[in-house]
Amino acid sequence: MNQEQLNKILENHKLWLADNSKGQHANLRNADLRGADLSYANLRNADLYGANLIGANLYSAKLSGANLGGANLSRANLRGANLSRANLRNADLRGANLYGADLNNATFYNTIF
C-alpha cells in the first residue's frame, strides 16, 4: 500500500470517527505497512488485525481500541502512542519503542516482547 492510499484511508476514518454516517471505518487487516509513516495518525478503533507494521513510525498515534491482534510491530516506533484498550493478542512487539506509550487496559495474550 502506498502513502497516498493510506492517507485516503486515514481521511475516511477521521470522517467516520466524527460521524459514523460519513467516511469509512479503517480496515487495514493484513495490510503491508512496513516502514509506513503513521505518526500522529488517528486510528482509534481501527482494524489492523494481522497487519505488517515492521519498522513503522507510529509516534504519538491514536490507537485506543484498535484491533492489533496478530500484527507484527517489531522495531515499530510506538513512542507516545495511545494503545489504551487496544487488542494486542498474538502481536509481535520485539524491539518496538514503547517509551511513553499508554497501554492502560490493553489486551495482552501470547504477545511477544
Protein backbone atom coordinates (compact mmCIF):
# COMPACT_ATOMS: atom_id res chain seq x y z
CA MET A 1 0.00 0.00 0.00
CA ASN A 2 1.44 3.38 -0.93
CA GLN A 3 1.28 6.53 1.20
CA GLU A 4 -1.44 8.11 -0.98
CA GLN A 5 -3.76 5.13 -0.50
CA LEU A 6 -3.00 5.10 3.21
CA ASN A 7 -3.71 8.83 3.54
CA LYS A 8 -7.12 8.31 1.87
CA ILE A 9 -7.99 5.55 4.33
CA LEU A 10 -6.90 7.75 7.24
CA GLU A 11 -9.00 10.66 6.00
CA ASN A 12 -12.10 8.47 5.57
CA HIS A 13 -11.53 7.01 9.05
CA LYS A 14 -11.27 10.51 10.53
CA LEU A 15 -14.65 11.38 8.98
CA TRP A 16 -16.15 8.12 10.29
CA LEU A 17 -14.89 8.84 13.81
CA ALA A 18 -16.57 12.25 13.75
CA ASP A 19 -19.85 10.92 12.32
CA ASN A 20 -20.20 7.22 11.51
CA SER A 21 -22.68 8.02 8.74
CA LYS A 22 -19.80 9.65 6.84
CA GLY A 23 -16.42 8.32 5.81
CA GLN A 24 -15.47 4.72 6.44
CA HIS A 25 -14.07 2.64 9.30
CA ALA A 26 -10.38 1.91 8.62
CA ASN A 27 -9.98 -1.72 7.62
CA LEU A 28 -6.27 -2.42 7.39
CA ARG A 29 -6.48 -6.15 8.14
CA ASN A 30 -3.37 -7.94 6.91
CA ALA A 31 -2.14 -4.75 5.23
CA ASP A 32 1.55 -4.44 4.35
CA LEU A 33 2.52 -1.24 6.16
CA ARG A 34 6.21 -1.97 6.64
CA GLY A 35 8.06 1.27 7.33
CA ALA A 36 4.89 3.37 6.91
CA ASP A 37 4.73 6.83 8.46
CA LEU A 38 1.69 6.81 10.70
CA SER A 39 3.00 9.35 13.16
CA TYR A 40 0.16 11.28 14.81
CA ALA A 41 -2.40 9.21 12.87
CA ASN A 42 -5.82 8.80 14.40
CA LEU A 43 -6.52 5.08 14.11
CA ARG A 44 -8.79 4.87 17.13
CA ASN A 45 -10.92 1.69 16.87
CA ALA A 46 -9.32 0.79 13.52
CA ASP A 47 -8.92 -2.81 12.39
CA LEU A 48 -5.23 -3.62 11.91
CA TYR A 49 -5.53 -7.33 12.62
CA GLY A 50 -2.53 -9.19 11.19
CA ALA A 51 -1.03 -6.02 9.68
CA ASN A 52 2.68 -5.97 8.90
CA LEU A 53 3.94 -2.85 10.69
CA ILE A 54 7.62 -3.81 10.91
CA GLY A 55 9.63 -0.63 11.41
CA ALA A 56 6.55 1.60 11.04
CA ASN A 57 6.55 5.04 12.62
CA LEU A 58 3.52 5.26 14.93
CA TYR A 59 4.91 8.10 17.05
CA SER A 60 2.06 9.64 19.08
CA ALA A 61 -0.52 7.70 17.06
CA LYS A 62 -4.00 7.31 18.50
CA LEU A 63 -4.62 3.56 18.57
CA SER A 64 -7.02 3.32 21.50
CA GLY A 65 -9.47 0.48 20.98
CA ALA A 66 -7.67 -0.62 17.81
CA ASN A 67 -7.52 -4.28 16.85
CA LEU A 68 -3.82 -5.09 16.51
CA GLY A 69 -4.24 -8.80 17.14
CA GLY A 70 -1.60 -10.81 15.32
CA ALA A 71 0.05 -7.64 13.98
CA ASN A 72 3.81 -7.54 13.51
CA LEU A 73 5.00 -4.37 15.25
CA SER A 74 8.62 -5.42 15.61
CA ARG A 75 11.01 -2.45 15.56
CA ALA A 76 7.99 -0.09 15.26
CA ASN A 77 8.19 3.34 16.86
CA LEU A 78 5.24 3.49 19.26
CA ARG A 79 6.75 6.21 21.41
CA GLY A 80 3.95 8.25 22.99
CA ALA A 81 1.25 6.24 21.20
CA ASN A 82 -2.14 5.74 22.83
CA LEU A 83 -2.78 1.99 22.90
CA SER A 84 -5.35 2.05 25.70
CA ARG A 85 -7.96 -0.70 25.29
CA ALA A 86 -6.12 -1.95 22.16
CA ASN A 87 -6.14 -5.65 21.30
CA LEU A 88 -2.52 -6.81 21.16
CA ARG A 89 -3.19 -10.55 21.35
CA ASN A 90 -0.58 -12.57 19.47
CA ALA A 91 1.13 -9.33 18.36
CA ASP A 92 4.90 -9.15 17.89
CA LEU A 93 6.42 -6.17 19.70
CA ARG A 94 10.07 -7.28 19.65
CA GLY A 95 12.34 -4.27 19.51
CA ALA A 96 9.40 -1.84 19.43
CA ASN A 97 9.88 1.54 21.12
CA LEU A 98 7.09 1.78 23.70
CA TYR A 99 8.55 4.68 25.68
CA GLY A 100 5.71 6.82 26.98
CA ALA A 101 3.04 4.68 25.29
CA ASP A 102 -0.32 4.42 27.05
CA LEU A 103 -1.02 0.70 27.49
CA ASN A 104 -3.86 1.03 30.03
CA ASN A 105 -6.40 -1.76 29.67
CA ALA A 106 -4.71 -3.11 26.53
CA THR A 107 -5.20 -6.83 25.97
CA PHE A 108 -2.03 -8.93 26.01
CA TYR A 109 -2.26 -12.64 25.37
CA ASN A 110 0.58 -14.52 23.69
CA THR A 111 2.09 -11.11 22.89
CA ILE A 112 5.79 -11.29 22.06
CA PHE A 113 8.01 -8.64 23.67
